[in-house]
Protein backbone atom coordinates (compact mmCIF):
# COMPACT_ATOMS: atom_id res chain seq x y z
CA MET A 1 0.00 0.00 0.00
CA LEU A 2 2.85 2.37 0.85
CA GLY A 3 4.31 1.86 -2.60
CA VAL A 4 1.01 2.78 -4.23
CA ILE A 5 0.72 5.96 -2.15
CA LEU A 6 4.23 7.02 -3.10
CA LEU A 7 3.38 6.72 -6.79
CA LEU A 8 0.51 9.19 -6.54
CA GLN A 9 1.13 12.80 -7.53
CA THR A 10 0.22 14.99 -4.54
CA LEU A 11 -1.69 18.22 -5.17
CA THR A 12 -3.29 20.57 -2.66
CA LEU A 13 -6.75 21.87 -3.56
CA ALA A 14 -8.37 24.77 -1.68
CA ILE A 15 -12.15 24.89 -2.12
CA ALA A 16 -14.23 27.94 -1.26
CA GLY A 17 -16.70 27.40 1.56
CA PRO A 18 -19.20 26.74 2.82
CA PRO A 19 -18.79 22.96 2.38
CA THR A 20 -22.45 22.68 1.36
CA SER A 21 -21.97 24.93 -1.70
CA PRO A 22 -23.45 23.12 -4.72
CA GLU A 23 -21.06 24.74 -7.20
CA TYR A 24 -18.11 22.81 -5.78
CA LEU A 25 -19.93 19.55 -5.07
CA PRO A 26 -18.24 17.64 -7.95
CA LEU A 27 -14.87 18.27 -6.29
CA ARG A 28 -16.16 16.90 -2.99
CA ILE A 29 -17.49 13.80 -4.74
CA ALA A 30 -14.23 13.31 -6.65
CA GLU A 31 -12.38 13.23 -3.33
CA ALA A 32 -14.91 11.15 -1.38
CA GLU A 33 -15.42 8.47 -4.04
CA GLY A 34 -11.75 8.08 -4.95
CA HIS A 35 -11.87 9.51 -8.47
CA PHE A 36 -8.67 11.49 -7.90
CA ALA A 37 -6.83 8.42 -6.60
CA ARG A 38 -7.97 6.36 -9.60
CA GLU A 39 -6.33 8.97 -11.82
CA GLY A 40 -3.03 8.68 -9.95
CA LEU A 41 -3.52 11.82 -7.84
CA ASN A 42 -3.34 12.31 -4.10
CA VAL A 43 -5.44 15.48 -3.79
CA VAL A 44 -5.32 17.05 -0.34
CA VAL A 45 -8.46 19.15 0.09
CA ARG A 46 -8.78 22.10 2.43
CA THR A 47 -11.82 24.36 2.73
CA THR A 48 -11.63 28.13 3.09
CA ARG A 49 -14.37 30.16 4.76
CA ALA A 50 -15.45 31.86 1.55
CA GLU A 51 -14.40 32.51 -2.05
CA PRO A 52 -11.88 35.31 -1.30
CA GLY A 53 -10.01 32.95 1.03
CA ALA A 54 -9.48 30.41 -1.74
CA ALA A 55 -8.12 33.11 -4.06
CA GLU A 56 -5.76 34.28 -1.32
CA ALA A 57 -4.54 30.70 -0.81
CA LEU A 58 -3.31 30.76 -4.41
CA VAL A 59 -1.51 34.07 -3.82
CA GLN A 60 0.21 32.72 -0.72
CA GLY A 61 1.26 29.46 -2.36
CA GLN A 62 -0.82 27.42 0.09
CA ALA A 63 -2.50 25.41 -2.68
CA ASP A 64 -1.63 24.07 -6.12
CA LEU A 65 -5.22 24.46 -7.30
CA VAL A 66 -8.09 26.53 -5.93
CA ALA A 67 -11.81 26.40 -6.61
CA THR A 68 -13.46 29.79 -6.33
CA SER A 69 -15.31 32.37 -8.40
CA LEU A 70 -13.75 34.34 -11.23
CA GLU A 71 -14.71 37.56 -9.43
CA ALA A 72 -12.94 36.50 -6.24
CA MET A 73 -9.86 35.56 -8.25
CA LEU A 74 -9.76 38.95 -9.98
CA ARG A 75 -10.29 40.88 -6.75
CA PHE A 76 -8.20 38.83 -4.31
CA GLY A 77 -5.95 36.65 -6.46
CA PRO A 78 -2.35 37.10 -7.65
CA ARG A 79 -1.30 40.57 -8.79
CA SER A 80 1.99 40.00 -10.64
CA ALA A 81 2.22 38.75 -14.21
CA ALA A 82 4.53 35.91 -13.17
CA GLN A 83 1.97 34.61 -10.67
CA ALA A 84 -1.11 35.30 -12.81
CA PRO A 85 -4.07 32.92 -12.39
CA ARG A 86 -4.92 30.34 -15.02
CA LEU A 87 -8.42 28.88 -15.29
CA ILE A 88 -8.14 25.15 -15.94
CA PHE A 89 -11.70 23.87 -15.36
CA GLY A 90 -15.08 25.63 -15.39
CA LEU A 91 -17.82 24.62 -12.98
CA SER A 92 -20.80 27.01 -13.15
CA ALA A 93 -22.01 29.78 -15.44
CA ALA A 94 -23.41 31.97 -12.64
CA PRO A 95 -24.30 31.79 -8.96
CA PRO A 96 -27.00 29.08 -8.98
CA VAL A 97 -30.02 31.17 -8.04
CA ALA A 98 -33.43 31.95 -9.48
CA LEU A 99 -35.08 35.36 -9.36
CA LEU A 100 -38.46 34.47 -7.90
CA VAL A 101 -41.61 36.56 -7.64
CA PRO A 102 -43.95 35.72 -4.75
CA THR A 103 -47.40 34.64 -5.89
CA SER A 104 -48.85 37.57 -3.95
CA GLN A 105 -46.74 40.01 -6.00
CA ALA A 106 -47.38 38.40 -9.39
CA GLU A 107 -49.60 41.23 -10.63
CA ILE A 108 -47.00 43.85 -9.71
CA VAL A 109 -43.87 42.17 -11.12
CA LYS A 110 -44.34 40.41 -14.44
CA ALA A 111 -40.97 41.24 -15.99
CA VAL A 112 -37.56 42.63 -15.01
CA SER A 113 -38.73 46.00 -16.32
CA ASP A 114 -41.29 46.10 -13.48
CA LEU A 115 -38.64 46.05 -10.74
CA PRO A 116 -37.93 49.81 -10.27
CA GLY A 117 -39.22 50.92 -6.87
CA THR A 118 -39.60 47.35 -5.57
CA ARG A 119 -37.88 45.39 -2.79
CA VAL A 120 -35.56 42.67 -4.11
CA GLY A 121 -34.22 40.21 -1.56
CA LEU A 122 -30.73 38.67 -1.38
CA SER A 123 -29.31 36.10 1.02
CA THR A 124 -26.45 38.34 2.23
CA PRO A 125 -25.22 41.90 1.65
CA GLY A 126 -23.02 42.00 -1.45
CA ALA A 127 -23.86 38.39 -2.37
CA PRO A 128 -22.07 37.18 -5.55
CA GLU A 129 -25.37 37.01 -7.42
CA GLN A 130 -25.81 40.78 -7.03
CA ALA A 131 -23.43 41.33 -9.97
CA TRP A 132 -25.65 39.15 -12.17
CA LEU A 133 -28.71 41.06 -10.94
CA GLY A 134 -27.03 44.29 -12.00
CA TRP A 135 -26.42 42.86 -15.48
CA LEU A 136 -30.04 41.73 -15.76
CA LEU A 137 -31.20 45.21 -14.85
CA ALA A 138 -28.77 46.81 -17.31
CA ARG A 139 -30.21 44.69 -20.13
CA ALA A 140 -33.60 46.22 -19.29
CA GLY A 141 -32.12 49.74 -19.17
CA LEU A 142 -32.20 49.86 -15.36
CA THR A 143 -29.70 50.14 -12.50
CA LEU A 144 -29.42 48.76 -8.97
CA ALA A 145 -30.08 52.29 -7.69
CA GLN A 146 -33.66 51.99 -8.96
CA ILE A 147 -34.53 49.06 -6.67
CA TRP A 148 -34.37 48.51 -2.94
CA VAL A 149 -31.99 45.62 -2.27
CA VAL A 150 -32.56 43.97 1.11
CA SER A 151 -30.70 41.02 2.68
CA HIS A 152 -32.42 38.43 4.84
CA GLY A 153 -30.11 35.40 5.15
CA SER A 154 -30.87 32.24 3.15
CA ARG A 155 -33.79 31.00 5.24
CA GLY A 156 -35.01 34.50 6.03
CA LEU A 157 -35.21 35.20 2.31
CA VAL A 158 -37.38 32.12 1.84
CA ALA A 159 -39.75 33.43 4.52
CA ALA A 160 -39.79 36.87 2.90
CA VAL A 161 -40.76 35.35 -0.45
CA GLU A 162 -43.40 33.15 1.15
CA SER A 163 -44.98 36.11 2.94
CA GLY A 164 -44.63 38.56 0.06
CA ASP A 165 -42.43 40.90 2.13
CA VAL A 166 -40.27 41.29 -0.99
CA HIS A 167 -41.44 41.80 -4.55
CA ALA A 168 -38.73 39.46 -5.84
CA GLY A 169 -35.81 37.49 -4.45
CA LEU A 170 -32.66 35.79 -5.72
CA VAL A 171 -33.16 32.43 -4.04
CA GLN A 172 -30.67 29.57 -3.80
CA GLU A 173 -31.37 25.85 -4.05
CA PRO A 174 -33.03 23.75 -2.81
CA TYR A 175 -35.30 26.54 -1.58
CA ALA A 176 -36.07 27.98 -5.03
CA SER A 177 -37.43 24.69 -6.36
CA ARG A 178 -39.49 24.14 -3.21
CA LEU A 179 -41.08 27.59 -3.35
CA VAL A 180 -42.07 27.06 -6.97
CA ALA A 181 -43.32 23.50 -6.38
CA ASP A 182 -45.42 24.70 -3.43
CA GLY A 183 -47.01 27.42 -5.55
CA ARG A 184 -45.53 30.19 -3.38
CA ALA A 185 -43.55 31.81 -6.20
CA ARG A 186 -42.83 31.76 -9.91
CA VAL A 187 -39.51 32.01 -11.74
CA LEU A 188 -38.84 35.38 -13.35
CA VAL A 189 -35.19 34.70 -14.29
CA ASP A 190 -33.37 31.37 -13.98
CA LEU A 191 -29.59 31.35 -13.49
CA ARG A 192 -29.36 27.72 -12.34
CA SER A 193 -28.04 26.29 -15.63
CA PRO A 194 -25.70 27.48 -18.40
CA ALA A 195 -28.62 27.53 -20.85
CA GLY A 196 -30.70 29.61 -18.45
CA VAL A 197 -27.87 32.09 -17.97
CA THR A 198 -27.39 32.55 -21.72
CA GLN A 199 -31.12 33.04 -22.19
CA ALA A 200 -31.33 35.57 -19.35
CA LEU A 201 -28.22 37.59 -20.15
CA GLY A 202 -27.98 37.11 -23.89
CA THR A 203 -24.41 35.85 -23.46
CA PRO A 204 -22.60 32.95 -21.74
CA THR A 205 -20.65 33.63 -18.54
CA VAL A 206 -18.54 31.73 -16.02
CA ASN A 207 -18.65 31.93 -12.23
CA ALA A 208 -17.08 29.08 -10.25
CA ALA A 209 -13.95 27.48 -11.67
CA VAL A 210 -10.66 25.84 -10.74
CA PHE A 211 -7.50 27.95 -11.01
CA VAL A 212 -3.74 27.46 -10.80
CA ARG A 213 -0.86 29.92 -10.70
CA ALA A 214 1.18 30.47 -13.87
CA ASP A 215 4.51 30.02 -12.09
CA ARG A 216 3.38 26.93 -10.13
CA ARG A 217 1.19 25.25 -12.71
CA PRO A 218 1.04 21.47 -12.35
CA ARG A 219 2.07 19.38 -15.34
CA ASP A 220 -0.51 19.14 -18.12
CA ARG A 221 -0.79 15.39 -17.62
CA ASP A 222 -1.71 15.99 -13.97
CA LEU A 223 -4.23 18.66 -14.96
CA ALA A 224 -5.75 16.21 -17.44
CA ALA A 225 -5.95 13.56 -14.72
CA PHE A 226 -7.59 16.09 -12.39
CA ALA A 227 -10.12 17.00 -15.09
CA ARG A 228 -10.96 13.34 -15.78
CA ALA A 229 -11.65 12.83 -12.08
CA VAL A 230 -13.94 15.87 -11.85
CA LEU A 231 -15.81 14.90 -15.02
CA ALA A 232 -16.35 11.42 -13.59
CA ALA A 233 -17.70 13.00 -10.41
CA GLU A 234 -20.05 15.21 -12.43
CA GLU A 235 -21.34 12.11 -14.21
CA ARG A 236 -21.99 10.48 -10.84
CA LEU A 237 -23.76 13.61 -9.64
CA ALA A 238 -25.96 13.58 -12.73
CA THR A 239 -27.06 9.97 -12.36
CA ALA A 240 -26.54 8.58 -8.85
CA PRO A 241 -29.27 8.59 -6.18
CA PRO A 242 -28.62 11.35 -3.61
CA GLU A 243 -28.54 8.86 -0.73
CA GLU A 244 -25.76 6.92 -2.47
CA LEU A 245 -23.67 10.07 -2.81
CA ALA A 246 -24.40 11.15 0.75
CA ALA A 247 -23.15 7.83 2.13
CA LYS A 248 -19.55 8.70 1.22
CA LEU A 249 -19.59 12.45 1.80
CA GLY A 250 -18.91 14.01 5.18
CA LYS A 251 -21.65 15.58 7.27
CA GLY A 252 -20.23 19.02 6.59
CA VAL A 253 -20.91 18.58 2.86
CA VAL A 254 -24.25 16.81 3.19
CA GLY A 255 -25.62 19.27 5.74
CA THR A 256 -28.64 18.67 7.92
CA GLY A 257 -32.21 17.56 7.27
CA ASP A 258 -33.30 16.59 3.78
CA ASP A 259 -31.66 19.55 2.03
CA PHE A 260 -28.99 17.39 0.37
CA ALA A 261 -31.37 15.43 -1.84
CA GLY A 262 -32.97 18.67 -2.96
CA ARG A 263 -29.59 20.24 -3.70
CA VAL A 264 -28.52 17.26 -5.77
CA GLU A 265 -31.72 17.18 -7.82
CA ALA A 266 -31.55 20.93 -8.41
CA THR A 267 -27.89 20.97 -9.46
CA ARG A 268 -27.77 18.11 -11.95
CA ALA A 269 -27.94 20.57 -14.87
CA MET A 270 -25.81 23.29 -13.26
CA TYR A 271 -22.35 22.49 -14.56
CA LEU A 272 -20.59 23.74 -17.68
CA ALA A 273 -20.44 21.03 -20.34
CA GLY A 274 -17.11 19.22 -20.19
CA GLY A 275 -15.73 21.87 -17.84
CA LEU A 276 -14.83 23.99 -20.86
CA VAL A 277 -14.77 27.78 -20.79
CA SER A 278 -14.39 30.05 -23.84
CA THR A 279 -12.61 33.38 -24.16
CA GLU A 280 -16.01 34.96 -24.86
CA GLN A 281 -17.37 33.67 -21.54
CA VAL A 282 -14.41 35.15 -19.70
CA LYS A 283 -14.66 38.45 -21.58
CA GLN A 284 -18.36 38.87 -20.84
CA THR A 285 -17.96 37.90 -17.19
CA ILE A 286 -15.15 40.40 -16.63
CA ALA A 287 -17.36 43.09 -18.17
CA LEU A 288 -20.22 42.05 -15.86
CA ILE A 289 -17.97 42.16 -12.79
CA ARG A 290 -16.56 45.58 -13.67
CA ALA A 291 -20.02 46.98 -14.34
CA HIS A 292 -21.12 45.92 -10.86
CA GLN A 293 -18.10 47.25 -8.98
CA PRO A 294 -14.76 48.49 -10.39
CA LEU A 295 -11.81 46.21 -9.74
CA PRO A 296 -9.07 47.50 -7.40
CA ALA A 297 -6.46 49.72 -9.03
CA THR A 298 -3.80 47.20 -7.99
CA SER A 299 -5.54 44.37 -9.81
CA ARG A 300 -3.87 43.04 -12.92
CA VAL A 301 -6.60 41.62 -15.13
CA PRO A 302 -5.23 39.06 -17.59
CA SER A 303 -6.69 38.97 -21.09
CA PRO A 304 -9.23 36.17 -21.62
CA ASP A 305 -6.72 34.26 -23.76
CA GLU A 306 -4.03 34.59 -21.09
CA LEU A 307 -6.37 33.59 -18.28
CA LEU A 308 -7.44 30.31 -19.87
CA HIS A 309 -5.36 27.13 -19.81
CA VAL A 310 -7.86 24.51 -20.93
CA GLU A 311 -5.81 22.67 -23.56
CA PRO A 312 -5.39 19.56 -21.34
CA LEU A 313 -9.17 19.57 -20.92
CA ARG A 314 -9.85 20.08 -24.64
CA ARG A 315 -7.64 17.14 -25.51
CA LEU A 316 -9.85 14.90 -23.39
CA SER A 317 -12.83 15.63 -25.64
CA LYS A 318 -10.95 14.88 -28.87
CA PRO A 319 -11.15 11.36 -30.30
CA ALA A 320 -7.99 9.37 -29.84
CA ALA A 321 -5.75 9.09 -32.88
CA ARG A 322 -5.72 5.70 -34.61
């Protein structure tokens, strides 16, 4: 057994918390079910409190790979050209939320253009999805200044939608699906899948992804092995019963109550096909982020072409030469 362990390539992966985040669930499954080990990798996983912490772990050299949002990487990631981030695997197109309208407010809010002067709920102040809300409003010729943004906490937001205390709310899973299924709300805008994001924004974007540092980039063969493991985990997530997945995941990932099954069912269509990200996705997302809040003057923003290193991933999708 010792000999086998010594043959594995060790990589440290920092994943943005909380552990229950659905965007990073394929990485948790890849670790728990041994997909990394089957690809010859010993991946040591550590969890940071939030997305900025994962980006900072890359800056400080505390991880070989980090899973966080593109916005967090641009705001808190490496500053120098030598240490510039490289995106090697895409996970989600946007924060996985739906803009819901309470049934009691359905006559007031029928479209995004009806939102000026209304109360729009978020889970937390400055939540990542607020940037996507700003882009949605901009497409309708509106700004965030024209609405009243209020934060309630995840469960408090559910209660606010149920009671009609907000005119609309950006609700996470599994709560969004439950509110709709119970007839308490309807979906105004759906950001829970890549197709939904493109339909809502008119362009594809990228949110959660896996990054490495240019000067510490693992070998391409190890990145390809990492990608194969994550793709295998995504396949499991798409097809396996939630209880089967939960049996191997820790309690911190599964959470409490019956939320896990709902999260799994709601996230099966969340992930970017094949983990691939295009330069256009990166370009549009950077524009979205800047429109919401200017990046720090000290930030060095790589060009979309420079930011992407997905060749090892692309080669996996090409048919083998004969």
